[in-house]
Amino acid sequence: MTNQRRDDQRPIEVTHEEQADDSAAGPDFLKEVMSQTVANIASTRELSPQVFAALLEVARRYPGEPLSLDPIAIELVAACLAVQMPMIASREALSRRMNAWIASSLLEDPAAQQRLSELWARLGEAA
């Protein structure tokens, strides 16, 4: 099975392991992860110190870079999930696809994109 990446339209091969991971993560679970991630990463006001530190590490890797889907938004989501849901982060195939899906969803929503842009600017200043 092949999926298309949104940023450059190069195909991404989906392995059997990833397909098995997808079937283990039902729609309700994915919605819960999405809602928790959006609530935490798109907030410019109250981030836990652990999440802020993880997001700050992403900003330090990309000083001065504009917000983009890949790699920045995807890595911000990955950093947030690694702190809040380490069991997901340990499932590499699932987390890689989930990070991309959540980041893409955030950037497609104008309000979430604005909050994420503000957060990225704040992280850039703090880095």
PDB file of N, CA and C in Angstrom:
ATOM      1  N   MET A   1       0.847  -1.175   0.000  1.00  0.00           N
ATOM      2  CA  MET A   1       0.000   0.000   0.000  1.00  0.00           C
ATOM      3  C   MET A   1       0.889   1.233   0.000  1.00  0.00           C
ATOM      4  N   THR A   2       0.494   2.286  -0.723  1.00  0.00           N
ATOM      5  CA  THR A   2       1.258   3.518  -0.798  1.00  0.00           C
ATOM      6  C   THR A   2       0.345   4.688  -0.476  1.00  0.00           C
ATOM      7  N   ASN A   3       0.816   5.572   0.385  1.00  0.00           N
ATOM      8  CA  ASN A   3       0.117   6.816   0.691  1.00  0.00           C
ATOM      9  C   ASN A   3       0.919   7.960   0.120  1.00  0.00           C
ATOM     10  N   GLN A   4       0.272   9.105  -0.085  1.00  0.00           N
ATOM     11  CA  GLN A   4       0.961  10.282  -0.605  1.00  0.00           C
ATOM     12  C   GLN A   4       1.239  11.255   0.523  1.00  0.00           C
ATOM     13  N   ARG A   5       2.449  11.799   0.573  1.00  0.00           N
ATOM     14  CA  ARG A   5       2.766  12.868   1.514  1.00  0.00           C
ATOM     15  C   ARG A   5       2.197  14.158   0.968  1.00  0.00           C
ATOM     16  N   ARG A   6       1.716  15.023   1.853  1.00  0.00           N
ATOM     17  CA  ARG A   6       1.131  16.287   1.427  1.00  0.00           C
ATOM     18  C   ARG A   6       2.179  17.286   0.973  1.00  0.00           C
ATOM     19  N   ASP A   7       3.380  17.259   1.571  1.00  0.00           N
ATOM     20  CA  ASP A   7       4.346  18.312   1.301  1.00  0.00           C
ATOM     21  C   ASP A   7       5.032  18.183  -0.044  1.00  0.00           C
ATOM     22  N   ASP A   8       5.379  17.001  -0.468  1.00  0.00           N
ATOM     23  CA  ASP A   8       6.094  16.889  -1.728  1.00  0.00           C
ATOM     24  C   ASP A   8       5.533  15.810  -2.643  1.00  0.00           C
ATOM     25  N   GLN A   9       4.472  15.172  -2.212  1.00  0.00           N
ATOM     26  CA  GLN A   9       3.767  14.166  -2.995  1.00  0.00           C
ATOM     27  C   GLN A   9       4.618  12.950  -3.357  1.00  0.00           C
ATOM     28  N   ARG A  10       5.724  12.722  -2.614  1.00  0.00           N
ATOM     29  CA  ARG A  10       6.471  11.486  -2.812  1.00  0.00           C
ATOM     30  C   ARG A  10       5.726  10.380  -2.090  1.00  0.00           C
ATOM     31  N   PRO A  11       5.679   9.180  -2.655  1.00  0.00           N
ATOM     32  CA  PRO A  11       4.956   8.100  -1.987  1.00  0.00           C
ATOM     33  C   PRO A  11       5.658   7.650  -0.709  1.00  0.00           C
ATOM     34  N   ILE A  12       4.864   7.276   0.257  1.00  0.00           N
ATOM     35  CA  ILE A  12       5.374   6.688   1.484  1.00  0.00           C
ATOM     36  C   ILE A  12       4.897   5.244   1.507  1.00  0.00           C
ATOM     37  N   GLU A  13       5.824   4.339   1.607  1.00  0.00           N
ATOM     38  CA  GLU A  13       5.457   2.942   1.680  1.00  0.00           C
ATOM     39  C   GLU A  13       4.924   2.625   3.068  1.00  0.00           C
ATOM     40  N   VAL A  14       3.816   1.929   3.122  1.00  0.00           N
ATOM     41  CA  VAL A  14       3.222   1.525   4.390  1.00  0.00           C
ATOM     42  C   VAL A  14       3.483   0.041   4.559  1.00  0.00           C
ATOM     43  N   THR A  15       4.182  -0.310   5.628  1.00  0.00           N
ATOM     44  CA  THR A  15       4.542  -1.694   5.867  1.00  0.00           C
ATOM     45  C   THR A  15       3.389  -2.458   6.497  1.00  0.00           C
ATOM     46  N   HIS A  16       3.518  -3.781   6.534  1.00  0.00           N
ATOM     47  CA  HIS A  16       2.509  -4.610   7.194  1.00  0.00           C
ATOM     48  C   HIS A  16       2.432  -4.287   8.674  1.00  0.00           C
ATOM     49  N   GLU A  17       3.574  -3.952   9.281  1.00  0.00           N
ATOM     50  CA  GLU A  17       3.600  -3.581  10.698  1.00  0.00           C
ATOM     51  C   GLU A  17       2.764  -2.326  10.929  1.00  0.00           C
ATOM     52  N   GLU A  18       2.890  -1.341  10.027  1.00  0.00           N
ATOM     53  CA  GLU A  18       2.112  -0.115  10.162  1.00  0.00           C
ATOM     54  C   GLU A  18       0.626  -0.379   9.973  1.00  0.00           C
ATOM     55  N   GLN A  19       0.292  -1.269   9.042  1.00  0.00           N
ATOM     56  CA  GLN A  19      -1.112  -1.611   8.859  1.00  0.00           C
ATOM     57  C   GLN A  19      -1.664  -2.282  10.104  1.00  0.00           C
ATOM     58  N   ALA A  20      -0.890  -3.137  10.737  1.00  0.00           N
ATOM     59  CA  ALA A  20      -1.327  -3.786  11.971  1.00  0.00           C
ATOM     60  C   ALA A  20      -1.477  -2.747  13.079  1.00  0.00           C
ATOM     61  N   ASP A  21      -0.544  -1.804  13.164  1.00  0.00           N
ATOM     62  CA  ASP A  21      -0.646  -0.737  14.162  1.00  0.00           C
ATOM     63  C   ASP A  21      -1.909   0.083  13.944  1.00  0.00           C
ATOM     64  N   ASP A  22      -2.231   0.390  12.678  1.00  0.00           N
ATOM     65  CA  ASP A  22      -3.424   1.171  12.387  1.00  0.00           C
ATOM     66  C   ASP A  22      -4.680   0.451  12.843  1.00  0.00           C
ATOM     67  N   SER A  23      -4.728  -0.849  12.639  1.00  0.00           N
ATOM     68  CA  SER A  23      -5.922  -1.585  13.023  1.00  0.00           C
ATOM     69  C   SER A  23      -6.054  -1.657  14.535  1.00  0.00           C
ATOM     70  N   ALA A  24      -4.941  -1.590  15.265  1.00  0.00           N
ATOM     71  CA  ALA A  24      -4.983  -1.616  16.718  1.00  0.00           C
ATOM     72  C   ALA A  24      -5.432  -0.275  17.281  1.00  0.00           C
ATOM     73  N   ALA A  25      -5.273   0.788  16.523  1.00  0.00           N
ATOM     74  CA  ALA A  25      -5.664   2.114  16.980  1.00  0.00           C
ATOM     75  C   ALA A  25      -6.996   2.469  16.338  1.00  0.00           C
ATOM     76  N   GLY A  26      -8.074   2.276  17.077  1.00  0.00           N
ATOM     77  CA  GLY A  26      -9.402   2.551  16.557  1.00  0.00           C
ATOM     78  C   GLY A  26      -9.682   4.034  16.460  1.00  0.00           C
ATOM     79  N   PRO A  27     -10.779   4.386  15.787  1.00  0.00           N
ATOM     80  CA  PRO A  27     -11.120   5.794  15.582  1.00  0.00           C
ATOM     81  C   PRO A  27     -11.295   6.565  16.891  1.00  0.00           C
ATOM     82  N   ASP A  28     -11.888   5.947  17.899  1.00  0.00           N
ATOM     83  CA  ASP A  28     -12.073   6.650  19.174  1.00  0.00           C
ATOM     84  C   ASP A  28     -10.731   6.961  19.822  1.00  0.00           C
ATOM     85  N   PHE A  29      -9.812   6.017  19.751  1.00  0.00           N
ATOM     86  CA  PHE A  29      -8.477   6.223  20.310  1.00  0.00           C
ATOM     87  C   PHE A  29      -7.766   7.347  19.578  1.00  0.00           C
ATOM     88  N   LEU A  30      -7.834   7.340  18.256  1.00  0.00           N
ATOM     89  CA  LEU A  30      -7.180   8.381  17.463  1.00  0.00           C
ATOM     90  C   LEU A  30      -7.789   9.754  17.749  1.00  0.00           C
ATOM     91  N   LYS A  31      -9.101   9.816  17.901  1.00  0.00           N
ATOM     92  CA  LYS A  31      -9.745  11.091  18.225  1.00  0.00           C
ATOM     93  C   LYS A  31      -9.286  11.596  19.586  1.00  0.00           C
ATOM     94  N   GLU A  32      -9.138  10.695  20.542  1.00  0.00           N
ATOM     95  CA  GLU A  32      -8.685  11.090  21.873  1.00  0.00           C
ATOM     96  C   GLU A  32      -7.257  11.626  21.826  1.00  0.00           C
ATOM     97  N   VAL A  33      -6.387  10.929  21.120  1.00  0.00           N
ATOM     98  CA  VAL A  33      -4.999  11.386  20.989  1.00  0.00           C
ATOM     99  C   VAL A  33      -4.966  12.744  20.301  1.00  0.00           C
ATOM    100  N   MET A  34      -5.742  12.879  19.242  1.00  0.00           N
ATOM    101  CA  MET A  34      -5.793  14.142  18.509  1.00  0.00           C
ATOM    102  C   MET A  34      -6.264  15.264  19.419  1.00  0.00           C
ATOM    103  N   SER A  35      -7.338  15.037  20.151  1.00  0.00           N
ATOM    104  CA  SER A  35      -7.876  16.106  20.980  1.00  0.00           C
ATOM    105  C   SER A  35      -6.924  16.490  22.097  1.00  0.00           C
ATOM    106  N   GLN A  36      -6.262  15.532  22.719  1.00  0.00           N
ATOM    107  CA  GLN A  36      -5.287  15.845  23.763  1.00  0.00           C
ATOM    108  C   GLN A  36      -4.084  16.588  23.198  1.00  0.00           C
ATOM    109  N   THR A  37      -3.628  16.168  22.042  1.00  0.00           N
ATOM    110  CA  THR A  37      -2.468  16.820  21.433  1.00  0.00           C
ATOM    111  C   THR A  37      -2.797  18.247  21.044  1.00  0.00           C
ATOM    112  N   VAL A  38      -3.954  18.440  20.421  1.00  0.00           N
ATOM    113  CA  VAL A  38      -4.369  19.783  20.018  1.00  0.00           C
ATOM    114  C   VAL A  38      -4.494  20.677  21.246  1.00  0.00           C
ATOM    115  N   ALA A  39      -5.095  20.155  22.299  1.00  0.00           N
ATOM    116  CA  ALA A  39      -5.274  20.950  23.512  1.00  0.00           C
ATOM    117  C   ALA A  39      -3.932  21.364  24.108  1.00  0.00           C
ATOM    118  N   ASN A  40      -2.937  20.521  23.990  1.00  0.00           N
ATOM    119  CA  ASN A  40      -1.642  20.809  24.595  1.00  0.00           C
ATOM    120  C   ASN A  40      -0.686  21.564  23.687  1.00  0.00           C
ATOM    121  N   ILE A  41      -0.602  21.175  22.443  1.00  0.00           N
ATOM    122  CA  ILE A  41       0.405  21.782  21.578  1.00  0.00           C
ATOM    123  C   ILE A  41      -0.063  23.109  20.990  1.00  0.00           C
ATOM    124  N   ALA A  42      -1.348  23.278  20.794  1.00  0.00           N
ATOM    125  CA  ALA A  42      -1.828  24.500  20.158  1.00  0.00           C
ATOM    126  C   ALA A  42      -2.121  25.600  21.166  1.00  0.00           C
ATOM    127  N   SER A  43      -1.898  25.338  22.423  1.00  0.00           N
ATOM    128  CA  SER A  43      -2.106  26.361  23.443  1.00  0.00           C
ATOM    129  C   SER A  43      -0.859  27.223  23.540  1.00  0.00           C
ATOM    130  N   THR A  44      -1.054  28.515  23.547  1.00  0.00           N
ATOM    131  CA  THR A  44       0.099  29.403  23.714  1.00  0.00           C
ATOM    132  C   THR A  44       0.217  29.861  25.155  1.00  0.00           C
ATOM    133  N   ARG A  45      -0.689  29.463  25.996  1.00  0.00           N
ATOM    134  CA  ARG A  45      -0.699  29.947  27.367  1.00  0.00           C
ATOM    135  C   ARG A  45      -0.131  28.951  28.377  1.00  0.00           C
ATOM    136  N   GLU A  46      -0.731  27.792  28.493  1.00  0.00           N
ATOM    137  CA  GLU A  46      -0.360  26.885  29.573  1.00  0.00           C
ATOM    138  C   GLU A  46       0.149  25.551  29.033  1.00  0.00           C
ATOM    139  N   LEU A  47       1.434  25.403  29.030  1.00  0.00           N
ATOM    140  CA  LEU A  47       2.058  24.136  28.680  1.00  0.00           C
ATOM    141  C   LEU A  47       2.744  23.608  29.927  1.00  0.00           C
ATOM    142  N   SER A  48       2.693  22.309  30.107  1.00  0.00           N
ATOM    143  CA  SER A  48       3.428  21.754  31.241  1.00  0.00           C
ATOM    144  C   SER A  48       4.913  22.001  31.004  1.00  0.00           C
ATOM    145  N   PRO A  49       5.698  22.094  32.064  1.00  0.00           N
ATOM    146  CA  PRO A  49       7.142  22.309  31.890  1.00  0.00           C
ATOM    147  C   PRO A  49       7.797  21.208  31.051  1.00  0.00           C
ATOM    148  N   GLN A  50       7.334  19.973  31.191  1.00  0.00           N
ATOM    149  CA  GLN A  50       7.915  18.865  30.423  1.00  0.00           C
ATOM    150  C   GLN A  50       7.614  19.009  28.929  1.00  0.00           C
ATOM    151  N   VAL A  51       6.358  19.367  28.600  1.00  0.00           N
ATOM    152  CA  VAL A  51       6.000  19.547  27.190  1.00  0.00           C
ATOM    153  C   VAL A  51       6.746  20.748  26.621  1.00  0.00           C
ATOM    154  N   PHE A  52       6.794  21.850  27.365  1.00  0.00           N
ATOM    155  CA  PHE A  52       7.499  23.034  26.881  1.00  0.00           C
ATOM    156  C   PHE A  52       8.972  22.717  26.610  1.00  0.00           C
ATOM    157  N   ALA A  53       9.614  21.977  27.515  1.00  0.00           N
ATOM    158  CA  ALA A  53      11.028  21.621  27.326  1.00  0.00           C
ATOM    159  C   ALA A  53      11.211  20.767  26.073  1.00  0.00           C
ATOM    160  N   ALA A  54      10.296  19.832  25.843  1.00  0.00           N
ATOM    161  CA  ALA A  54      10.388  18.981  24.652  1.00  0.00           C
ATOM    162  C   ALA A  54      10.192  19.790  23.381  1.00  0.00           C
ATOM    163  N   LEU A  55       9.237  20.718  23.398  1.00  0.00           N
ATOM    164  CA  LEU A  55       8.998  21.566  22.236  1.00  0.00           C
ATOM    165  C   LEU A  55      10.162  22.527  21.998  1.00  0.00           C
ATOM    166  N   LEU A  56      10.751  22.997  23.071  1.00  0.00           N
ATOM    167  CA  LEU A  56      11.904  23.892  22.968  1.00  0.00           C
ATOM    168  C   LEU A  56      13.087  23.193  22.292  1.00  0.00           C
ATOM    169  N   GLU A  57      13.248  21.916  22.546  1.00  0.00           N
ATOM    170  CA  GLU A  57      14.308  21.150  21.879  1.00  0.00           C
ATOM    171  C   GLU A  57      14.110  21.131  20.364  1.00  0.00           C
ATOM    172  N   VAL A  58      12.853  21.045  19.932  1.00  0.00           N
ATOM    173  CA  VAL A  58      12.576  21.096  18.487  1.00  0.00           C
ATOM    174  C   VAL A  58      12.991  22.466  17.949  1.00  0.00           C
ATOM    175  N   ALA A  59      12.630  23.529  18.666  1.00  0.00           N
ATOM    176  CA  ALA A  59      12.980  24.884  18.221  1.00  0.00           C
ATOM    177  C   ALA A  59      14.491  25.063  18.136  1.00  0.00           C
ATOM    178  N   ARG A  60      15.204  24.450  19.038  1.00  0.00           N
ATOM    179  CA  ARG A  60      16.676  24.568  19.019  1.00  0.00           C
ATOM    180  C   ARG A  60      17.290  23.851  17.824  1.00  0.00           C
ATOM    181  N   ARG A  61      16.622  22.819  17.337  1.00  0.00           N
ATOM    182  CA  ARG A  61      17.124  22.102  16.153  1.00  0.00           C
ATOM    183  C   ARG A  61      16.867  22.877  14.861  1.00  0.00           C
ATOM    184  N   TYR A  62      15.886  23.795  14.891  1.00  0.00           N
ATOM    185  CA  TYR A  62      15.513  24.522  13.677  1.00  0.00           C
ATOM    186  C   TYR A  62      15.471  26.027  13.934  1.00  0.00           C
ATOM    187  N   PRO A  63      16.573  26.623  14.374  1.00  0.00           N
ATOM    188  CA  PRO A  63      16.549  28.060  14.693  1.00  0.00           C
ATOM    189  C   PRO A  63      16.255  28.899  13.449  1.00  0.00           C
ATOM    190  N   GLY A  64      15.297  29.805  13.605  1.00  0.00           N
ATOM    191  CA  GLY A  64      14.968  30.722  12.522  1.00  0.00           C
ATOM    192  C   GLY A  64      14.165  30.144  11.378  1.00  0.00           C
ATOM    193  N   GLU A  65      13.853  28.863  11.435  1.00  0.00           N
ATOM    194  CA  GLU A  65      13.088  28.232  10.351  1.00  0.00           C
ATOM    195  C   GLU A  65      11.612  28.590  10.467  1.00  0.00           C
ATOM    196  N   PRO A  66      10.938  28.788   9.337  1.00  0.00           N
ATOM    197  CA  PRO A  66       9.500  29.047   9.396  1.00  0.00           C
ATOM    198  C   PRO A  66       8.741  27.744   9.724  1.00  0.00           C
ATOM    199  N   LEU A  67       7.569  27.908  10.287  1.00  0.00           N
ATOM    200  CA  LEU A  67       6.728  26.753  10.586  1.00  0.00           C
ATOM    201  C   LEU A  67       6.390  26.023   9.297  1.00  0.00           C
ATOM    202  N   SER A  68       6.567  24.725   9.299  1.00  0.00           N
ATOM    203  CA  SER A  68       6.249  23.900   8.138  1.00  0.00           C
ATOM    204  C   SER A  68       5.697  22.574   8.627  1.00  0.00           C
ATOM    205  N   LEU A  69       5.030  21.857   7.740  1.00  0.00           N
ATOM    206  CA  LEU A  69       4.513  20.546   8.115  1.00  0.00           C
ATOM    207  C   LEU A  69       5.656  19.607   8.453  1.00  0.00           C
ATOM    208  N   ASP A  70       6.562  19.448   7.484  1.00  0.00           N
ATOM    209  CA  ASP A  70       7.661  18.509   7.640  1.00  0.00           C
ATOM    210  C   ASP A  70       8.968  19.279   7.504  1.00  0.00           C
ATOM    211  N   PRO A  71       9.744  19.344   8.510  1.00  0.00           N
ATOM    212  CA  PRO A  71       9.747  18.501   9.703  1.00  0.00           C
ATOM    213  C   PRO A  71       9.150  19.148  10.953  1.00  0.00           C
ATOM    214  N   ILE A  72       8.937  20.465  10.971  1.00  0.00           N
ATOM    215  CA  ILE A  72       8.700  21.161  12.235  1.00  0.00           C
ATOM    216  C   ILE A  72       7.395  20.765  12.924  1.00  0.00           C
ATOM    217  N   ALA A  73       6.252  20.909  12.260  1.00  0.00           N
ATOM    218  CA  ALA A  73       4.981  20.589  12.920  1.00  0.00           C
ATOM    219  C   ALA A  73       4.944  19.116  13.329  1.00  0.00           C
ATOM    220  N   ILE A  74       5.460  18.253  12.470  1.00  0.00           N
ATOM    221  CA  ILE A  74       5.485  16.819  12.798  1.00  0.00           C
ATOM    222  C   ILE A  74       6.350  16.575  14.032  1.00  0.00           C
ATOM    223  N   GLU A  75       7.492  17.229  14.108  1.00  0.00           N
ATOM    224  CA  GLU A  75       8.366  17.034  15.269  1.00  0.00           C
ATOM    225  C   GLU A  75       7.790  17.663  16.538  1.00  0.00           C
ATOM    226  N   LEU A  76       7.056  18.770  16.404  1.00  0.00           N
ATOM    227  CA  LEU A  76       6.399  19.350  17.576  1.00  0.00           C
ATOM    228  C   LEU A  76       5.365  18.377  18.133  1.00  0.00           C
ATOM    229  N   VAL A  77       4.581  17.792  17.249  1.00  0.00           N
ATOM    230  CA  VAL A  77       3.586  16.803  17.685  1.00  0.00           C
ATOM    231  C   VAL A  77       4.285  15.602  18.308  1.00  0.00           C
ATOM    232  N   ALA A  78       5.351  15.128  17.674  1.00  0.00           N
ATOM    233  CA  ALA A  78       6.089  13.972  18.201  1.00  0.00           C
ATOM    234  C   ALA A  78       6.632  14.267  19.596  1.00  0.00           C
ATOM    235  N   ALA A  79       7.160  15.468  19.784  1.00  0.00           N
ATOM    236  CA  ALA A  79       7.705  15.834  21.088  1.00  0.00           C
ATOM    237  C   ALA A  79       6.614  15.865  22.151  1.00  0.00           C
ATOM    238  N   CYS A  80       5.470  16.413  21.796  1.00  0.00           N
ATOM    239  CA  CYS A  80       4.345  16.486  22.721  1.00  0.00           C
ATOM    240  C   CYS A  80       3.862  15.078  23.088  1.00  0.00           C
ATOM    241  N   LEU A  81       3.685  14.241  22.103  1.00  0.00           N
ATOM    242  CA  LEU A  81       3.206  12.879  22.365  1.00  0.00           C
ATOM    243  C   LEU A  81       4.231  12.053  23.135  1.00  0.00           C
ATOM    244  N   ALA A  82       5.503  12.282  22.890  1.00  0.00           N
ATOM    245  CA  ALA A  82       6.540  11.521  23.602  1.00  0.00           C
ATOM    246  C   ALA A  82       6.466  11.782  25.100  1.00  0.00           C
ATOM    247  N   VAL A  83       6.105  13.009  25.478  1.00  0.00           N
ATOM    248  CA  VAL A  83       5.985  13.350  26.895  1.00  0.00           C
ATOM    249  C   VAL A  83       4.670  12.824  27.455  1.00  0.00           C
ATOM    250  N   GLN A  84       3.586  13.056  26.730  1.00  0.00           N
ATOM    251  CA  GLN A  84       2.260  12.759  27.261  1.00  0.00           C
ATOM    252  C   GLN A  84       1.814  11.327  27.057  1.00  0.00           C
ATOM    253  N   MET A  85       2.257  10.694  26.015  1.00  0.00           N
ATOM    254  CA  MET A  85       1.824   9.338  25.696  1.00  0.00           C
ATOM    255  C   MET A  85       3.020   8.511  25.240  1.00  0.00           C
ATOM    256  N   PRO A  86       3.936   8.226  26.156  1.00  0.00           N
ATOM    257  CA  PRO A  86       5.160   7.518  25.761  1.00  0.00           C
ATOM    258  C   PRO A  86       4.912   6.136  25.162  1.00  0.00           C
ATOM    259  N   MET A  87       3.799   5.513  25.505  1.00  0.00           N
ATOM    260  CA  MET A  87       3.510   4.193  24.921  1.00  0.00           C
ATOM    261  C   MET A  87       3.260   4.305  23.420  1.00  0.00           C
ATOM    262  N   ILE A  88       2.671   5.414  22.992  1.00  0.00           N
ATOM    263  CA  ILE A  88       2.472   5.622  21.551  1.00  0.00           C
ATOM    264  C   ILE A  88       3.814   5.879  20.889  1.00  0.00           C
ATOM    265  N   ALA A  89       4.623   6.721  21.515  1.00  0.00           N
ATOM    266  CA  ALA A  89       5.928   7.054  20.944  1.00  0.00           C
ATOM    267  C   ALA A  89       6.796   5.813  20.796  1.00  0.00           C
ATOM    268  N   SER A  90       6.609   4.835  21.673  1.00  0.00           N
ATOM    269  CA  SER A  90       7.416   3.615  21.588  1.00  0.00           C
ATOM    270  C   SER A  90       7.001   2.736  20.416  1.00  0.00           C
ATOM    271  N   ARG A  91       5.830   2.942  19.886  1.00  0.00           N
ATOM    272  CA  ARG A  91       5.370   2.195  18.702  1.00  0.00           C
ATOM    273  C   ARG A  91       5.711   3.031  17.473  1.00  0.00           C
ATOM    274  N   GLU A  92       6.926   2.886  17.008  1.00  0.00           N
ATOM    275  CA  GLU A  92       7.490   3.786  16.008  1.00  0.00           C
ATOM    276  C   GLU A  92       6.639   3.939  14.751  1.00  0.00           C
ATOM    277  N   ALA A  93       6.177   2.845  14.188  1.00  0.00           N
ATOM    278  CA  ALA A  93       5.404   2.929  12.952  1.00  0.00           C
ATOM    279  C   ALA A  93       4.096   3.693  13.174  1.00  0.00           C
ATOM    280  N   LEU A  94       3.418   3.394  14.251  1.00  0.00           N
ATOM    281  CA  LEU A  94       2.164   4.083  14.554  1.00  0.00           C
ATOM    282  C   LEU A  94       2.422   5.550  14.859  1.00  0.00           C
ATOM    283  N   SER A  95       3.397   5.835  15.690  1.00  0.00           N
ATOM    284  CA  SER A  95       3.635   7.224  16.080  1.00  0.00           C
ATOM    285  C   SER A  95       4.070   8.075  14.889  1.00  0.00           C
ATOM    286  N   ARG A  96       4.867   7.529  14.000  1.00  0.00           N
ATOM    287  CA  ARG A  96       5.323   8.285  12.825  1.00  0.00           C
ATOM    288  C   ARG A  96       4.131   8.726  11.977  1.00  0.00           C
ATOM    289  N   ARG A  97       3.201   7.831  11.745  1.00  0.00           N
ATOM    290  CA  ARG A  97       2.026   8.164  10.930  1.00  0.00           C
ATOM    291  C   ARG A  97       1.065   9.058  11.697  1.00  0.00           C
ATOM    292  N   MET A  98       0.905   8.807  12.997  1.00  0.00           N
ATOM    293  CA  MET A  98       0.007   9.616  13.809  1.00  0.00           C
ATOM    294  C   MET A  98       0.529  11.043  13.917  1.00  0.00           C
ATOM    295  N   ASN A  99       1.832  11.203  14.108  1.00  0.00           N
ATOM    296  CA  ASN A  99       2.424  12.538  14.197  1.00  0.00           C
ATOM    297  C   ASN A  99       2.141  13.340  12.930  1.00  0.00           C
ATOM    298  N   ALA A 100       2.317  12.711  11.790  1.00  0.00           N
ATOM    299  CA  ALA A 100       2.076  13.394  10.513  1.00  0.00           C
ATOM    300  C   ALA A 100       0.604  13.748  10.357  1.00  0.00           C
ATOM    301  N   TRP A 101      -0.280  12.842  10.743  1.00  0.00           N
ATOM    302  CA  TRP A 101      -1.722  13.081  10.611  1.00  0.00           C
ATOM    303  C   TRP A 101      -2.156  14.233  11.511  1.00  0.00           C
ATOM    304  N   ILE A 102      -1.711  14.233  12.755  1.00  0.00           N
ATOM    305  CA  ILE A 102      -2.096  15.290  13.699  1.00  0.00           C
ATOM    306  C   ILE A 102      -1.518  16.627  13.250  1.00  0.00           C
ATOM    307  N   ALA A 103      -0.257  16.646  12.855  1.00  0.00           N
ATOM    308  CA  ALA A 103       0.371  17.898  12.405  1.00  0.00           C
ATOM    309  C   ALA A 103      -0.359  18.461  11.194  1.00  0.00           C
ATOM    310  N   SER A 104      -0.690  17.604  10.258  1.00  0.00           N
ATOM    311  CA  SER A 104      -1.415  18.036   9.073  1.00  0.00           C
ATOM    312  C   SER A 104      -2.783  18.598   9.453  1.00  0.00           C
ATOM    313  N   SER A 105      -3.465  17.921  10.359  1.00  0.00           N
ATOM    314  CA  SER A 105      -4.783  18.393  10.806  1.00  0.00           C
ATOM    315  C   SER A 105      -4.680  19.754  11.484  1.00  0.00           C
ATOM    316  N   LEU A 106      -3.653  19.947  12.294  1.00  0.00           N
ATOM    317  CA  LEU A 106      -3.453  21.239  12.957  1.00  0.00           C
ATOM    318  C   LEU A 106      -3.238  22.352  11.938  1.00  0.00           C
ATOM    319  N   LEU A 107      -2.427  22.086  10.937  1.00  0.00           N
ATOM    320  CA  LEU A 107      -2.116  23.122   9.952  1.00  0.00           C
ATOM    321  C   LEU A 107      -3.271  23.386   8.993  1.00  0.00           C
ATOM    322  N   GLU A 108      -4.184  22.435   8.852  1.00  0.00           N
ATOM    323  CA  GLU A 108      -5.332  22.632   7.975  1.00  0.00           C
ATOM    324  C   GLU A 108      -6.439  23.451   8.638  1.00  0.00           C
ATOM    325  N   ASP A 109      -6.449  23.516   9.955  1.00  0.00           N
ATOM    326  CA  ASP A 109      -7.449  24.289  10.688  1.00  0.00           C
ATOM    327  C   ASP A 109      -6.893  25.691  10.934  1.00  0.00           C
ATOM    328  N   PRO A 110      -7.534  26.734  10.403  1.00  0.00           N
ATOM    329  CA  PRO A 110      -6.974  28.089  10.519  1.00  0.00           C
ATOM    330  C   PRO A 110      -6.707  28.532  11.956  1.00  0.00           C
ATOM    331  N   ALA A 111      -7.622  28.250  12.879  1.00  0.00           N
ATOM    332  CA  ALA A 111      -7.418  28.675  14.271  1.00  0.00           C
ATOM    333  C   ALA A 111      -6.256  27.919  14.905  1.00  0.00           C
ATOM    334  N   ALA A 112      -6.197  26.614  14.685  1.00  0.00           N
ATOM    335  CA  ALA A 112      -5.103  25.814  15.241  1.00  0.00           C
ATOM    336  C   ALA A 112      -3.777  26.209  14.611  1.00  0.00           C
ATOM    337  N   GLN A 113      -3.795  26.490  13.306  1.00  0.00           N
ATOM    338  CA  GLN A 113      -2.565  26.910  12.632  1.00  0.00           C
ATOM    339  C   GLN A 113      -2.057  28.228  13.218  1.00  0.00           C
ATOM    340  N   GLN A 114      -2.964  29.158  13.492  1.00  0.00           N
ATOM    341  CA  GLN A 114      -2.566  30.434  14.080  1.00  0.00           C
ATOM    342  C   GLN A 114      -1.946  30.221  15.459  1.00  0.00           C
ATOM    343  N   ARG A 115      -2.578  29.388  16.290  1.00  0.00           N
ATOM    344  CA  ARG A 115      -2.037  29.112  17.624  1.00  0.00           C
ATOM    345  C   ARG A 115      -0.687  28.412  17.533  1.00  0.00           C
ATOM    346  N   LEU A 116      -0.559  27.479  16.590  1.00  0.00           N
ATOM    347  CA  LEU A 116       0.707  26.773  16.417  1.00  0.00           C
ATOM    348  C   LEU A 116       1.793  27.735  15.941  1.00  0.00           C
ATOM    349  N   SER A 117       1.437  28.651  15.055  1.00  0.00           N
ATOM    350  CA  SER A 117       2.401  29.656  14.585  1.00  0.00           C
ATOM    351  C   SER A 117       2.865  30.534  15.741  1.00  0.00           C
ATOM    352  N   GLU A 118       1.927  30.940  16.602  1.00  0.00           N
ATOM    353  CA  GLU A 118       2.277  31.747  17.769  1.00  0.00           C
ATOM    354  C   GLU A 118       3.181  30.962  18.716  1.00  0.00           C
ATOM    355  N   LEU A 119       2.863  29.701  18.913  1.00  0.00           N
ATOM    356  CA  LEU A 119       3.689  28.850  19.769  1.00  0.00           C
ATOM    357  C   LEU A 119       5.089  28.706  19.185  1.00  0.00           C
ATOM    358  N   TRP A 120       5.184  28.494  17.876  1.00  0.00           N
ATOM    359  CA  TRP A 120       6.483  28.333  17.220  1.00  0.00           C
ATOM    360  C   TRP A 120       7.315  29.608  17.370  1.00  0.00           C
ATOM    361  N   ALA A 121       6.665  30.771  17.226  1.00  0.00           N
ATOM    362  CA  ALA A 121       7.382  32.040  17.402  1.00  0.00           C
ATOM    363  C   ALA A 121       7.864  32.177  18.839  1.00  0.00           C
ATOM    364  N   ARG A 122       7.027  31.814  19.791  1.00  0.00           N
ATOM    365  CA  ARG A 122       7.414  31.883  21.211  1.00  0.00           C
ATOM    366  C   ARG A 122       8.571  30.942  21.503  1.00  0.00           C
ATOM    367  N   LEU A 123       8.523  29.752  20.946  1.00  0.00           N
ATOM    368  CA  LEU A 123       9.617  28.799  21.136  1.00  0.00           C
ATOM    369  C   LEU A 123      10.911  29.317  20.514  1.00  0.00           C
ATOM    370  N   GLY A 124      10.787  29.950  19.334  1.00  0.00           N
ATOM    371  CA  GLY A 124      11.957  30.514  18.675  1.00  0.00           C
ATOM    372  C   GLY A 124      12.623  31.588  19.514  1.00  0.00           C
ATOM    373  N   GLU A 125      11.815  32.409  20.178  1.00  0.00           N
ATOM    374  CA  GLU A 125      12.353  33.450  21.043  1.00  0.00           C
ATOM    375  C   GLU A 125      13.028  32.843  22.277  1.00  0.00           C
ATOM    376  N   ALA A 126      12.453  31.765  22.795  1.00  0.00           N
ATOM    377  CA  ALA A 126      12.991  31.133  24.000  1.00  0.00           C
ATOM    378  C   ALA A 126      14.244  30.321  23.714  1.00  0.00           C
ATOM    379  N   ALA A 127      14.368  29.858  22.471  1.00  0.00           N
ATOM    380  CA  ALA A 127      15.529  29.025  22.114  1.00  0.00           C
ATOM    381  C   ALA A 127      16.735  29.913  22.046  1.00  0.00           C
TER     382      ALA A 127
END
